[in-house]
Amino acid sequence: MRLRDENLVRREIDGETVLLDLATSTYFSSNTTGTFLLRLLAEDREREFLVAELAREFGLDAQEAAADADAFVAELVEQGLLV
């Protein structure tokens, strides 16, 4: 899965990210953890990679990292931000 790049503007500010969907004129913002995942999703990454990297970066166990990554990805899907 990959973050959509068409009609999408992404800006990082003080460790947080704001996305502007130009097609729908809606904003999406994320915290530090979300920003970390968005950086990974700017490239084509599989779920397992996201979970492993999230666990490594933030010292989470695999189950917690999986739940966090899945919830974040689900929100991006709901907003139409992934391809």
C-alpha atoms as a PDB file:
ATOM      1  CA  MET A   1       0.000   0.000   0.000  1.00  0.00           C
ATOM      2  CA  ARG A   2       1.113   3.508  -0.705  1.00  0.00           C
ATOM      3  CA  LEU A   3       0.060   7.034   0.161  1.00  0.00           C
ATOM      4  CA  ARG A   4      -1.762   8.607  -2.758  1.00  0.00           C
ATOM      5  CA  ASP A   5       0.295  11.338  -4.399  1.00  0.00           C
ATOM      6  CA  GLU A   6      -2.222  12.691  -6.898  1.00  0.00           C
ATOM      7  CA  ASN A   7      -4.073  15.795  -5.623  1.00  0.00           C
ATOM      8  CA  LEU A   8      -2.489  15.397  -2.194  1.00  0.00           C
ATOM      9  CA  VAL A   9      -0.209  17.900  -0.452  1.00  0.00           C
ATOM     10  CA  ARG A  10       1.806  16.730   2.555  1.00  0.00           C
ATOM     11  CA  ARG A  11       3.634  18.978   5.009  1.00  0.00           C
ATOM     12  CA  GLU A  12       5.519  18.050   8.161  1.00  0.00           C
ATOM     13  CA  ILE A  13       5.536  20.650  10.911  1.00  0.00           C
ATOM     14  CA  ASP A  14       7.278  20.033  14.248  1.00  0.00           C
ATOM     15  CA  GLY A  15       7.020  16.245  13.961  1.00  0.00           C
ATOM     16  CA  GLU A  16       3.394  16.237  12.878  1.00  0.00           C
ATOM     17  CA  THR A  17       1.991  15.942   9.371  1.00  0.00           C
ATOM     18  CA  VAL A  18      -0.876  17.703   7.675  1.00  0.00           C
ATOM     19  CA  LEU A  19      -2.315  16.319   4.458  1.00  0.00           C
ATOM     20  CA  LEU A  20      -4.520  18.409   2.187  1.00  0.00           C
ATOM     21  CA  ASP A  21      -6.654  16.463  -0.249  1.00  0.00           C
ATOM     22  CA  LEU A  22      -7.045  18.890  -3.137  1.00  0.00           C
ATOM     23  CA  ALA A  23      -9.794  16.781  -4.711  1.00  0.00           C
ATOM     24  CA  THR A  24     -12.082  17.068  -1.668  1.00  0.00           C
ATOM     25  CA  SER A  25     -10.624  20.149   0.053  1.00  0.00           C
ATOM     26  CA  THR A  26     -10.240  18.207   3.305  1.00  0.00           C
ATOM     27  CA  TYR A  27      -7.393  18.144   5.801  1.00  0.00           C
ATOM     28  CA  PHE A  28      -5.970  15.142   7.618  1.00  0.00           C
ATOM     29  CA  SER A  29      -3.487  15.599  10.447  1.00  0.00           C
ATOM     30  CA  SER A  30      -1.354  13.097  12.290  1.00  0.00           C
ATOM     31  CA  ASN A  31       0.832  12.977  15.376  1.00  0.00           C
ATOM     32  CA  THR A  32       4.435  11.808  15.566  1.00  0.00           C
ATOM     33  CA  THR A  33       3.523   8.135  15.209  1.00  0.00           C
ATOM     34  CA  GLY A  34       1.295   8.844  12.226  1.00  0.00           C
ATOM     35  CA  THR A  35       4.003  10.972  10.656  1.00  0.00           C
ATOM     36  CA  PHE A  36       6.417   8.056  10.983  1.00  0.00           C
ATOM     37  CA  LEU A  37       3.927   5.752   9.247  1.00  0.00           C
ATOM     38  CA  LEU A  38       3.174   8.326   6.544  1.00  0.00           C
ATOM     39  CA  ARG A  39       6.884   8.507   5.693  1.00  0.00           C
ATOM     40  CA  LEU A  40       6.863   4.744   5.204  1.00  0.00           C
ATOM     41  CA  LEU A  41       3.631   4.892   3.223  1.00  0.00           C
ATOM     42  CA  ALA A  42       5.125   7.430   0.823  1.00  0.00           C
ATOM     43  CA  GLU A  43       6.792   4.295  -0.546  1.00  0.00           C
ATOM     44  CA  ASP A  44       5.031   1.055  -1.409  1.00  0.00           C
ATOM     45  CA  ARG A  45       5.075  -0.867   1.917  1.00  0.00           C
ATOM     46  CA  GLU A  46       3.352  -3.977   3.191  1.00  0.00           C
ATOM     47  CA  ARG A  47       1.499  -4.155   6.505  1.00  0.00           C
ATOM     48  CA  GLU A  48       4.130  -6.395   8.092  1.00  0.00           C
ATOM     49  CA  PHE A  49       6.854  -3.868   7.334  1.00  0.00           C
ATOM     50  CA  LEU A  50       4.817  -1.034   8.868  1.00  0.00           C
ATOM     51  CA  VAL A  51       4.164  -3.049  12.027  1.00  0.00           C
ATOM     52  CA  ALA A  52       7.800  -4.115  12.436  1.00  0.00           C
ATOM     53  CA  GLU A  53       9.145  -0.609  11.891  1.00  0.00           C
ATOM     54  CA  LEU A  54       6.577   0.952  14.224  1.00  0.00           C
ATOM     55  CA  ALA A  55       7.456  -1.548  16.958  1.00  0.00           C
ATOM     56  CA  ARG A  56      11.179  -0.921  16.487  1.00  0.00           C
ATOM     57  CA  GLU A  57      10.953   2.876  16.381  1.00  0.00           C
ATOM     58  CA  PHE A  58       8.625   3.326  19.356  1.00  0.00           C
ATOM     59  CA  GLY A  59       9.503   0.293  21.480  1.00  0.00           C
ATOM     60  CA  LEU A  60       6.085  -1.330  21.114  1.00  0.00           C
ATOM     61  CA  ASP A  61       5.287  -5.007  21.268  1.00  0.00           C
ATOM     62  CA  ALA A  62       4.126  -6.562  18.003  1.00  0.00           C
ATOM     63  CA  GLN A  63       0.466  -6.728  19.018  1.00  0.00           C
ATOM     64  CA  GLU A  64       0.298  -3.060  20.029  1.00  0.00           C
ATOM     65  CA  ALA A  65       2.180  -1.974  16.908  1.00  0.00           C
ATOM     66  CA  ALA A  66      -0.177  -4.020  14.725  1.00  0.00           C
ATOM     67  CA  ALA A  67      -3.269  -2.502  16.344  1.00  0.00           C
ATOM     68  CA  ASP A  68      -1.897   1.035  15.976  1.00  0.00           C
ATOM     69  CA  ALA A  69      -0.799   0.533  12.366  1.00  0.00           C
ATOM     70  CA  ASP A  70      -4.097  -1.120  11.416  1.00  0.00           C
ATOM     71  CA  ALA A  71      -6.158   1.678  12.961  1.00  0.00           C
ATOM     72  CA  PHE A  72      -4.091   4.357  11.226  1.00  0.00           C
ATOM     73  CA  VAL A  73      -4.224   2.620   7.852  1.00  0.00           C
ATOM     74  CA  ALA A  74      -7.986   2.101   8.226  1.00  0.00           C
ATOM     75  CA  GLU A  75      -8.415   5.849   8.763  1.00  0.00           C
ATOM     76  CA  LEU A  76      -6.317   6.618   5.670  1.00  0.00           C
ATOM     77  CA  VAL A  77      -8.391   4.167   3.639  1.00  0.00           C
ATOM     78  CA  GLU A  78     -11.612   5.737   4.913  1.00  0.00           C
ATOM     79  CA  GLN A  79     -10.318   9.155   3.830  1.00  0.00           C
ATOM     80  CA  GLY A  80      -9.302   7.798   0.397  1.00  0.00           C
ATOM     81  CA  LEU A  81      -5.632   8.618   0.940  1.00  0.00           C
ATOM     82  CA  LEU A  82      -4.093   5.250   0.045  1.00  0.00           C
ATOM     83  CA  VAL A  83      -3.712   3.447  -3.266  1.00  0.00           C
END
